[in-house]
């Protein structure tokens, strides 16, 4: 069993250890730079596989904004040996699930199948990732699909609020850009530009393969290797895995203190927040506890004060996404436009009150119980375990199992939560709102921009 986090050095060819719950984790780094990680879970009858590349929307240049997400769509449209229908039939015919996700710092193509169908999933996704043709006609068809996807998101006020919030907090930082680009950038991007993006970032040294569930690691390595060789990847050419991102925090210049998008809708959607913590920040566990107490459940301060006691909103919560060198801490509420000022004041008041007055032992106990239970329940799903392997390898450079996560949460103190809340509350605040919101609804609640580390 492991004791503490397990480091994942890029120059270590083989690694094996037993994690909480007696799952066996193994990692192989091939001479070509391909990294393969597996978590064999006792009693599992299915497996989830993910093919990851550490390229996301933050890595795009202006002429290719949105191309990472565009490419994700295109890899399902056919390869040199399979049509789009062939790919779909491969999984549908065995009752499997397959999809992909584009994030700000990585892209993942994944599938969940029965254990007996894992070799098929290994082969099909490898074919998609290595041998897509990016057919010109399919490219134009998919351009239309993505424009419809963007239009659908633009019709969702919660999505619009989220995009404006990231831009407001992170400003010109690449993490502040929308993952999918904009209609203007999608209409402008060329097939050749997306092809260059594909060839530059989908290489052996960029590839991470993770599988969790019913998996034999040696067979997995053999199957992945065979699939890549069939794609004419030269696995004999030695290359070091691509370096992980620099985790040094950057100075973030706030984009705006206040952004209002006027829409004739029934509710006002409001996000308030500040720059948060990077993924590897040692205070991440403290932030997790703070988030739980403030807005992480039905017993949280925000839920109790704004929904239960006052009946001002149906949905209200806090969240804390993190990335390699930056993060956000935000609070969301959807409420009547006539109540938007009051709700925003209450959200900020509850946030700041933790920094001033701290939290109670009972709140700490509840947060610990909530986080412990939610973490354990999430690991019942091989999807979560597969994703944990991928994020550990690509972003963190270490693996943290359930026991270590719970140990870190148990070490969080009341004073640590108060001090972190006080620090975050002092950072430049941004507010983003969508709806029938008066221009003066937030007067005095957001101050002038200032840089923050």
Protein backbone atom coordinates (compact mmCIF):
# COMPACT_ATOMS: atom_id res chain seq x y z
CA UNK A 1 0.00 0.00 0.00
CA UNK A 2 1.18 3.52 -0.67
CA UNK A 3 1.90 5.98 2.09
CA UNK A 4 1.51 9.51 0.78
CA UNK A 5 1.44 10.62 -2.84
CA UNK A 6 3.37 8.61 -5.44
CA UNK A 7 5.60 10.68 -7.72
CA UNK A 8 5.38 10.01 -11.47
CA UNK A 9 8.81 10.93 -12.86
CA UNK A 10 8.91 11.21 -16.62
CA UNK A 11 12.25 9.38 -16.77
CA UNK A 12 11.06 6.31 -14.85
CA UNK A 13 10.27 3.48 -17.25
CA UNK A 14 8.25 1.22 -14.93
CA UNK A 15 6.28 1.84 -11.75
CA UNK A 16 3.90 -0.38 -9.79
CA UNK A 17 2.09 0.03 -6.47
CA UNK A 18 -1.10 -0.94 -4.64
CA UNK A 19 -3.55 1.86 -3.83
CA UNK A 20 -6.47 2.07 -1.41
CA UNK A 21 -9.08 -0.63 -1.99
CA UNK A 22 -6.33 -3.02 -3.15
CA UNK A 23 -6.36 -1.73 -6.71
CA UNK A 24 -3.09 -2.32 -8.56
CA UNK A 25 -1.67 0.64 -10.41
CA UNK A 26 1.04 0.19 -13.00
CA UNK A 27 2.75 2.68 -15.28
CA UNK A 28 5.00 2.10 -18.28
CA UNK A 29 6.88 4.76 -20.22
CA UNK A 30 7.84 3.43 -23.63
CA UNK A 31 11.11 4.47 -25.31
CA UNK A 32 9.05 6.52 -27.79
CA UNK A 33 7.64 8.62 -24.93
CA UNK A 34 4.17 7.02 -24.86
CA UNK A 35 2.94 6.68 -21.28
CA UNK A 36 0.52 3.90 -20.33
CA UNK A 37 -1.16 3.74 -16.91
CA UNK A 38 -3.61 1.18 -15.61
CA UNK A 39 -5.59 0.65 -12.43
CA UNK A 40 -6.77 -2.93 -12.02
CA UNK A 41 -9.81 -2.95 -9.74
CA UNK A 42 -10.70 -6.24 -7.99
CA UNK A 43 -14.05 -7.62 -9.11
CA UNK A 44 -14.51 -5.20 -12.02
CA UNK A 45 -16.15 -6.54 -15.19
CA UNK A 46 -15.80 -3.41 -17.32
CA UNK A 47 -13.06 -0.95 -18.13
CA UNK A 48 -12.80 2.69 -19.10
CA UNK A 49 -10.00 3.74 -21.42
CA UNK A 50 -8.77 7.22 -22.24
CA UNK A 51 -6.28 8.46 -24.82
CA UNK A 52 -4.96 11.84 -23.67
CA UNK A 53 -2.87 14.56 -25.24
CA UNK A 54 -1.74 17.51 -23.12
CA UNK A 55 -3.00 20.13 -25.54
CA UNK A 56 -6.07 22.24 -24.86
CA UNK A 57 -7.65 25.54 -25.77
CA UNK A 58 -4.98 27.51 -23.90
CA UNK A 59 -2.34 26.25 -26.34
CA UNK A 60 -3.90 27.72 -29.47
CA UNK A 61 -2.56 30.66 -31.42
CA UNK A 62 -4.95 33.36 -32.69
CA UNK A 63 -5.41 31.83 -36.14
CA UNK A 64 -6.42 28.50 -34.59
CA UNK A 65 -8.72 29.55 -31.70
CA UNK A 66 -11.25 26.75 -31.31
CA UNK A 67 -9.20 24.28 -33.36
CA UNK A 68 -8.54 21.87 -30.48
CA UNK A 69 -12.28 21.36 -29.99
CA UNK A 70 -12.78 21.33 -33.79
CA UNK A 71 -10.20 18.56 -34.06
CA UNK A 72 -11.88 16.54 -31.32
CA UNK A 73 -15.02 16.45 -33.48
CA UNK A 74 -13.13 15.57 -36.63
CA UNK A 75 -11.37 12.50 -35.20
CA UNK A 76 -14.76 10.77 -35.08
CA UNK A 77 -15.34 11.40 -38.81
CA UNK A 78 -13.18 8.64 -40.22
CA UNK A 79 -9.66 7.30 -40.64
CA UNK A 80 -7.71 5.70 -43.49
CA UNK A 81 -9.37 2.36 -42.64
CA UNK A 82 -12.64 3.23 -40.86
CA UNK A 83 -15.60 5.45 -41.70
CA UNK A 84 -17.46 7.48 -39.09
CA UNK A 85 -20.15 4.81 -39.15
CA UNK A 86 -17.58 2.06 -38.62
CA UNK A 87 -16.33 3.84 -35.49
CA UNK A 88 -19.85 4.26 -34.12
CA UNK A 89 -20.83 0.67 -34.90
CA UNK A 90 -17.71 -0.68 -33.16
CA UNK A 91 -18.97 0.59 -29.82
CA UNK A 92 -22.73 0.43 -30.34
CA UNK A 93 -22.58 -3.24 -31.31
CA UNK A 94 -21.09 -4.16 -27.92
CA UNK A 95 -23.15 -1.76 -25.81
CA UNK A 96 -20.15 0.44 -25.14
CA UNK A 97 -19.98 4.19 -24.64
CA UNK A 98 -17.49 6.44 -26.40
CA UNK A 99 -16.95 10.16 -26.48
CA UNK A 100 -14.32 12.85 -26.09
CA UNK A 101 -13.72 16.01 -24.11
CA UNK A 102 -11.71 19.11 -24.88
CA UNK A 103 -10.52 21.04 -21.85
CA UNK A 104 -8.34 24.07 -21.39
CA UNK A 105 -5.17 22.00 -20.83
CA UNK A 106 -5.81 18.61 -22.42
CA UNK A 107 -7.97 16.57 -24.80
CA UNK A 108 -9.20 13.06 -24.03
CA UNK A 109 -10.86 10.41 -26.22
CA UNK A 110 -12.46 7.73 -24.07
CA UNK A 111 -14.70 4.67 -24.02
CA UNK A 112 -16.29 2.35 -21.47
CA UNK A 113 -16.72 -1.30 -22.45
CA UNK A 114 -16.96 -4.79 -21.05
CA UNK A 115 -13.59 -6.32 -20.18
CA UNK A 116 -13.69 -8.61 -23.23
CA UNK A 117 -14.10 -5.62 -25.55
CA UNK A 118 -11.17 -3.60 -24.23
CA UNK A 119 -8.80 -4.70 -27.06
CA UNK A 120 -11.34 -3.37 -29.57
CA UNK A 121 -11.54 -0.03 -27.77
CA UNK A 122 -7.74 0.20 -27.66
CA UNK A 123 -7.56 -0.36 -31.41
CA UNK A 124 -10.41 1.88 -32.53
CA UNK A 125 -9.42 4.91 -30.47
CA UNK A 126 -5.78 4.48 -31.45
CA UNK A 127 -6.87 4.48 -35.09
CA UNK A 128 -8.93 7.65 -34.57
CA UNK A 129 -6.09 9.43 -32.81
CA UNK A 130 -3.30 8.45 -35.20
CA UNK A 131 -4.92 8.07 -38.60
CA UNK A 132 -7.79 10.51 -39.05
CA UNK A 133 -7.91 11.96 -42.55
CA UNK A 134 -9.69 15.26 -41.81
CA UNK A 135 -11.60 14.96 -45.07
CA UNK A 136 -12.29 18.38 -46.60
CA UNK A 137 -16.02 17.77 -47.08
CA UNK A 138 -16.39 16.36 -43.57
CA UNK A 139 -14.45 19.37 -42.30
CA UNK A 140 -17.02 21.78 -43.73
CA UNK A 141 -19.92 19.64 -42.48
CA UNK A 142 -18.47 19.59 -39.00
CA UNK A 143 -17.87 23.33 -39.11
CA UNK A 144 -21.63 23.68 -39.33
CA UNK A 145 -22.14 21.25 -36.45
CA UNK A 146 -19.76 23.22 -34.22
CA UNK A 147 -21.44 26.50 -35.11
CA UNK A 148 -24.73 24.93 -34.02
CA UNK A 149 -23.09 23.76 -30.79
CA UNK A 150 -21.84 27.29 -30.10
CA UNK A 151 -25.30 28.67 -30.85
CA UNK A 152 -26.84 26.18 -28.43
CA UNK A 153 -24.39 27.25 -25.72
CA UNK A 154 -25.12 30.90 -26.43
CA UNK A 155 -28.81 30.19 -25.83
CA UNK A 156 -27.97 28.83 -22.37
CA UNK A 157 -27.61 31.78 -19.97
CA UNK A 158 -25.63 29.71 -17.46
CA UNK A 159 -23.06 28.87 -20.16
CA UNK A 160 -22.83 32.49 -21.24
CA UNK A 161 -22.35 33.62 -17.64
CA UNK A 162 -19.58 31.07 -17.15
CA UNK A 163 -17.70 32.16 -20.29
CA UNK A 164 -17.95 35.84 -19.35
CA UNK A 165 -16.83 35.00 -15.80
CA UNK A 166 -13.65 33.27 -16.95
CA UNK A 167 -12.85 36.22 -19.21
CA UNK A 168 -13.54 38.69 -16.38
CA UNK A 169 -11.37 36.93 -13.79
CA UNK A 170 -8.50 35.77 -16.01
CA UNK A 171 -8.41 38.57 -18.54
CA UNK A 172 -5.91 37.99 -21.34
CA UNK A 173 -4.53 34.80 -19.80
CA UNK A 174 -5.05 31.91 -22.27
CA UNK A 175 -7.16 30.10 -19.66
CA UNK A 176 -9.72 32.90 -19.95
CA UNK A 177 -10.62 32.03 -23.55
CA UNK A 178 -13.66 29.91 -24.45
CA UNK A 179 -12.73 26.30 -25.19
CA UNK A 180 -14.84 26.13 -28.33
CA UNK A 181 -13.75 29.43 -29.83
CA UNK A 182 -16.33 31.79 -31.27
CA UNK A 183 -18.45 31.76 -34.43
CA UNK A 184 -15.95 34.20 -35.94
CA UNK A 185 -12.90 32.03 -35.24
CA UNK A 186 -14.64 28.79 -36.28
CA UNK A 187 -15.76 30.38 -39.55
CA UNK A 188 -12.23 31.65 -40.14
CA UNK A 189 -10.14 28.57 -39.29
CA UNK A 190 -8.91 26.54 -42.25
CA UNK A 191 -8.60 22.82 -42.67
CA UNK A 192 -4.85 23.23 -43.19
CA UNK A 193 -4.49 25.08 -39.89
CA UNK A 194 -6.33 22.33 -38.00
CA UNK A 195 -4.24 19.70 -39.81
CA UNK A 196 -1.02 21.41 -38.71
CA UNK A 197 -2.35 21.59 -35.16
CA UNK A 198 -3.11 17.84 -35.34
CA UNK A 199 0.31 16.83 -36.65
CA UNK A 200 2.17 19.08 -34.20
CA UNK A 201 0.46 17.84 -31.06
CA UNK A 202 -0.57 14.22 -31.62
CA UNK A 203 2.78 12.45 -31.37
CA UNK A 204 4.13 9.52 -29.38
CA UNK A 205 5.78 11.75 -26.77
CA UNK A 206 2.47 13.58 -26.25
CA UNK A 207 0.33 10.47 -25.77
CA UNK A 208 -0.93 9.21 -22.40
CA UNK A 209 -3.16 6.12 -22.29
CA UNK A 210 -5.06 5.35 -19.07
CA UNK A 211 -7.33 2.41 -18.27
CA UNK A 212 -9.21 1.61 -15.07
CA UNK A 213 -11.33 -1.40 -14.19
CA UNK A 214 -10.85 -4.92 -15.49
CA UNK A 215 -7.43 -4.60 -17.12
CA UNK A 216 -4.23 -6.58 -17.41
CA UNK A 217 -1.38 -4.09 -17.72
CA UNK A 218 1.01 -6.24 -19.76
CA UNK A 219 -1.71 -7.07 -22.27
CA UNK A 220 -2.72 -3.41 -22.41
CA UNK A 221 0.84 -2.33 -23.23
CA UNK A 222 1.04 -4.99 -25.93
CA UNK A 223 -2.31 -3.97 -27.44
CA UNK A 224 -1.50 -0.24 -27.42
CA UNK A 225 1.91 -0.88 -28.95
CA UNK A 226 0.46 -3.07 -31.69
CA UNK A 227 -2.23 -0.50 -32.51
CA UNK A 228 0.31 2.31 -32.82
CA UNK A 229 2.62 0.19 -34.97
CA UNK A 230 -0.31 -0.57 -37.30
CA UNK A 231 -0.71 3.19 -37.62
CA UNK A 232 2.91 3.40 -38.76
CA UNK A 233 4.07 5.26 -35.67
CA UNK A 234 7.79 4.70 -35.22
CA UNK A 235 7.99 3.45 -31.65
CA UNK A 236 11.67 2.61 -32.06
CA UNK A 237 12.58 6.27 -32.28
CA UNK A 238 13.48 7.26 -28.73
CA UNK A 239 11.92 10.42 -27.34
CA UNK A 240 11.33 11.78 -23.86
CA UNK A 241 7.72 12.36 -22.87
CA UNK A 242 6.65 15.95 -23.38
CA UNK A 243 7.43 18.04 -20.31
CA UNK A 244 4.63 18.94 -17.94
CA UNK A 245 3.50 22.54 -17.80
CA UNK A 246 5.33 25.01 -15.60
CA UNK A 247 3.39 25.16 -12.34
CA UNK A 248 4.77 28.57 -11.41
CA UNK A 249 1.85 30.89 -10.80
CA UNK A 250 1.58 33.81 -13.19
CA UNK A 251 0.58 37.37 -12.49
CA UNK A 252 -3.07 37.57 -13.59
CA UNK A 253 -4.41 40.91 -14.75
CA UNK A 254 -8.15 40.95 -14.19
CA UNK A 255 -10.16 41.32 -17.37
CA UNK A 256 -13.00 43.30 -15.87
CA UNK A 257 -14.65 44.01 -12.55
CA UNK A 258 -18.15 43.78 -14.00
CA UNK A 259 -19.68 42.24 -17.11
CA UNK A 260 -23.43 42.35 -17.79
CA UNK A 261 -25.04 40.64 -20.77
CA UNK A 262 -28.60 41.86 -21.22
CA UNK A 263 -31.02 39.06 -22.13
CA UNK A 264 -34.86 39.08 -21.90
CA UNK A 265 -35.07 35.96 -19.70
CA UNK A 266 -36.92 35.15 -16.49
CA UNK A 267 -33.90 34.70 -14.26
CA UNK A 268 -30.69 36.59 -13.68
CA UNK A 269 -27.63 34.33 -13.73
CA UNK A 270 -24.82 35.71 -11.57
CA UNK A 271 -21.25 34.59 -10.98
CA UNK A 272 -18.95 36.35 -8.52
CA UNK A 273 -15.41 35.32 -7.77
CA UNK A 274 -11.67 35.78 -7.68
CA UNK A 275 -8.49 34.07 -8.86
CA UNK A 276 -8.09 30.80 -6.97
CA UNK A 277 -5.35 28.21 -6.50
CA UNK A 278 -3.34 26.19 -9.02
CA UNK A 279 -3.74 22.42 -9.11
CA UNK A 280 -0.51 21.65 -7.26
CA UNK A 281 -0.91 24.33 -4.58
CA UNK A 282 -0.41 22.68 -1.16
CA UNK A 283 -3.56 24.46 0.07
CA UNK A 284 -5.84 22.69 -2.40
CA UNK A 285 -7.25 20.46 0.38
CA UNK A 286 -7.96 23.55 2.47
CA UNK A 287 -9.75 25.11 -0.49
CA UNK A 288 -11.78 21.94 -0.96
CA UNK A 289 -12.98 22.16 2.64
CA UNK A 290 -13.70 25.88 2.31
CA UNK A 291 -15.72 25.25 -0.84
CA UNK A 292 -17.73 22.51 0.89
CA UNK A 293 -18.60 24.74 3.84
CA UNK A 294 -19.46 27.78 1.75
CA UNK A 295 -21.40 26.27 -1.13
CA UNK A 296 -20.74 22.58 -1.61
CA UNK A 297 -24.04 21.03 -0.56
CA UNK A 298 -27.51 21.48 0.90
CA UNK A 299 -26.12 22.15 4.39
CA UNK A 300 -23.66 24.77 3.10
CA UNK A 301 -23.88 28.38 4.19
CA UNK A 302 -24.96 29.67 0.79
CA UNK A 303 -27.70 27.08 0.33
CA UNK A 304 -29.05 27.53 3.83
CA UNK A 305 -28.98 31.33 3.84
CA UNK A 306 -30.06 32.14 0.29
CA UNK A 307 -32.38 29.27 -0.58
CA UNK A 308 -33.66 27.74 2.65
CA UNK A 309 -34.00 30.79 4.91
CA UNK A 310 -34.82 33.49 2.38
CA UNK A 311 -36.15 31.62 -0.67
CA UNK A 312 -34.25 33.89 -3.06
CA UNK A 313 -32.81 31.28 -5.44
CA UNK A 314 -33.30 27.68 -6.51
CA UNK A 315 -29.67 27.08 -7.48
CA UNK A 316 -26.76 28.52 -5.51
CA UNK A 317 -23.30 27.00 -5.03
CA UNK A 318 -19.55 27.64 -5.04
CA UNK A 319 -16.84 25.97 -7.11
CA UNK A 320 -13.05 26.02 -7.49
CA UNK A 321 -11.59 24.83 -10.82
CA UNK A 322 -7.80 24.58 -10.93
CA UNK A 323 -5.19 24.40 -13.67
CA UNK A 324 -1.43 23.97 -13.80
CA UNK A 325 -0.57 27.60 -13.03
CA UNK A 326 -3.85 29.27 -12.07
CA UNK A 327 -7.34 28.72 -10.72
CA UNK A 328 -10.64 30.39 -9.92
CA UNK A 329 -12.96 30.52 -6.94
CA UNK A 330 -16.52 31.35 -7.87
CA UNK A 331 -20.05 31.53 -6.51
CA UNK A 332 -23.13 31.10 -8.72
CA UNK A 333 -26.80 31.90 -8.22
CA UNK A 334 -29.85 32.08 -10.45
CA UNK A 335 -32.53 34.42 -9.15
CA UNK A 336 -35.22 36.93 -10.04
CA UNK A 337 -33.76 40.09 -11.65
CA UNK A 338 -35.39 42.14 -8.90
CA UNK A 339 -33.42 40.18 -6.28
CA UNK A 340 -30.03 40.17 -8.00
CA UNK A 341 -28.47 42.89 -5.85
CA UNK A 342 -29.62 41.29 -2.61
CA UNK A 343 -28.48 37.81 -3.66
CA UNK A 344 -25.07 39.07 -4.76
CA UNK A 345 -24.60 40.95 -1.50
CA UNK A 346 -25.48 37.80 0.45
CA UNK A 347 -23.08 35.64 -1.57
CA UNK A 348 -20.23 38.06 -0.94
CA UNK A 349 -21.17 38.49 2.69
CA UNK A 350 -21.09 34.74 3.40
CA UNK A 351 -17.78 34.41 1.55
CA UNK A 352 -16.15 37.28 3.43
CA UNK A 353 -17.62 36.27 6.78
CA UNK A 354 -15.59 33.04 6.73
CA UNK A 355 -12.42 35.11 6.33
CA UNK A 356 -13.41 37.38 9.21
CA UNK A 357 -15.06 35.00 11.69
CA UNK A 358 -13.83 31.56 10.61
CA UNK A 359 -15.79 28.30 10.63
CA UNK A 360 -17.14 26.06 13.37
CA UNK A 361 -15.97 22.59 14.42
CA UNK A 362 -19.37 21.24 13.33
CA UNK A 363 -18.90 22.71 9.84
CA UNK A 364 -15.46 21.13 9.65
CA UNK A 365 -16.90 17.77 10.67
CA UNK A 366 -19.68 17.97 8.08
CA UNK A 367 -17.27 19.02 5.34
CA UNK A 368 -14.93 16.14 6.14
CA UNK A 369 -17.80 13.67 6.05
CA UNK A 370 -19.21 15.05 2.82
CA UNK A 371 -15.85 15.04 1.02
CA UNK A 372 -14.88 11.60 2.31
CA UNK A 373 -18.16 10.03 1.27
CA UNK A 374 -18.35 11.77 -2.09
CA UNK A 375 -14.77 10.76 -2.93
CA UNK A 376 -15.39 7.13 -2.05
CA UNK A 377 -18.65 6.97 -4.00
CA UNK A 378 -17.08 8.58 -7.07
CA UNK A 379 -14.46 5.82 -7.19
CA UNK A 380 -17.20 3.23 -7.66
CA UNK A 381 -17.11 4.38 -11.30
CA UNK A 382 -14.19 3.34 -13.52
CA UNK A 383 -14.65 6.60 -15.46
CA UNK A 384 -13.56 8.56 -12.39
CA UNK A 385 -10.56 6.31 -11.81
CA UNK A 386 -9.49 6.57 -15.45
CA UNK A 387 -9.73 10.36 -15.32
CA UNK A 388 -7.80 10.46 -12.04
CA UNK A 389 -4.93 8.59 -13.71
CA UNK A 390 -4.92 11.00 -16.65
CA UNK A 391 -4.92 14.17 -14.55
CA UNK A 392 -2.28 12.72 -12.24
CA UNK A 393 0.04 12.04 -15.16
CA UNK A 394 -0.58 15.16 -17.20
CA UNK A 395 -1.08 17.90 -14.62
CA UNK A 396 0.02 16.88 -11.13
CA UNK A 397 2.99 14.59 -11.69
CA UNK A 398 1.88 12.52 -8.70
CA UNK A 399 -0.84 10.02 -7.84
CA UNK A 400 -2.98 10.58 -4.76
CA UNK A 401 -5.24 7.70 -3.73
CA UNK A 402 -8.36 7.87 -1.59
CA UNK A 403 -6.57 7.24 1.71
CA UNK A 404 -4.06 10.01 1.02
CA UNK A 405 -6.82 12.39 -0.06
CA UNK A 406 -8.70 11.75 3.18
CA UNK A 407 -5.50 12.15 5.21
CA UNK A 408 -4.92 15.56 3.63
CA UNK A 409 -8.50 16.63 4.33
CA UNK A 410 -8.15 15.51 7.95
CA UNK A 411 -5.11 17.78 8.33
CA UNK A 412 -7.07 20.89 7.33
CA UNK A 413 -7.61 23.21 10.29
CA UNK A 414 -10.21 25.83 11.12
CA UNK A 415 -7.52 28.50 11.13
CA UNK A 416 -6.27 27.34 7.73
CA UNK A 417 -9.76 27.69 6.23
CA UNK A 418 -10.22 31.14 7.73
CA UNK A 419 -6.80 32.36 6.54
CA UNK A 420 -7.34 31.11 3.01
CA UNK A 421 -10.83 32.65 2.85
CA UNK A 422 -9.37 35.94 4.05
CA UNK A 423 -6.65 35.82 1.39
CA UNK A 424 -9.07 34.97 -1.42
CA UNK A 425 -11.58 37.62 -0.34
CA UNK A 426 -8.84 40.25 -0.61
CA UNK A 427 -8.16 39.41 -4.25
CA UNK A 428 -9.70 41.49 -7.07
CA UNK A 429 -13.36 40.57 -7.47
CA UNK A 430 -15.15 40.01 -10.76
CA UNK A 431 -18.91 39.81 -11.35
CA UNK A 432 -20.57 38.41 -14.47
CA UNK A 433 -24.32 38.45 -14.98
CA UNK A 434 -26.74 37.51 -17.74
CA UNK A 435 -30.41 38.47 -17.81
CA UNK A 436 -32.68 41.46 -17.38
CA UNK A 437 -30.21 43.13 -15.05
CA UNK A 438 -29.98 46.87 -14.41
CA UNK A 439 -26.65 48.48 -15.17
CA UNK A 440 -26.45 49.80 -11.60
CA UNK A 441 -27.41 46.50 -9.91
CA UNK A 442 -23.86 45.89 -8.71
CA UNK A 443 -22.80 49.45 -7.90
CA UNK A 444 -20.19 49.40 -5.15
CA UNK A 445 -19.78 45.61 -5.21
CA UNK A 446 -16.86 45.38 -7.67
CA UNK A 447 -13.76 47.54 -7.44
CA UNK A 448 -11.24 48.74 -10.00
CA UNK A 449 -8.92 46.14 -11.61
CA UNK A 450 -5.62 45.21 -9.99
CA UNK A 451 -3.01 42.50 -10.66
CA UNK A 452 -2.74 39.50 -8.33
CA UNK A 453 -0.35 36.61 -7.96
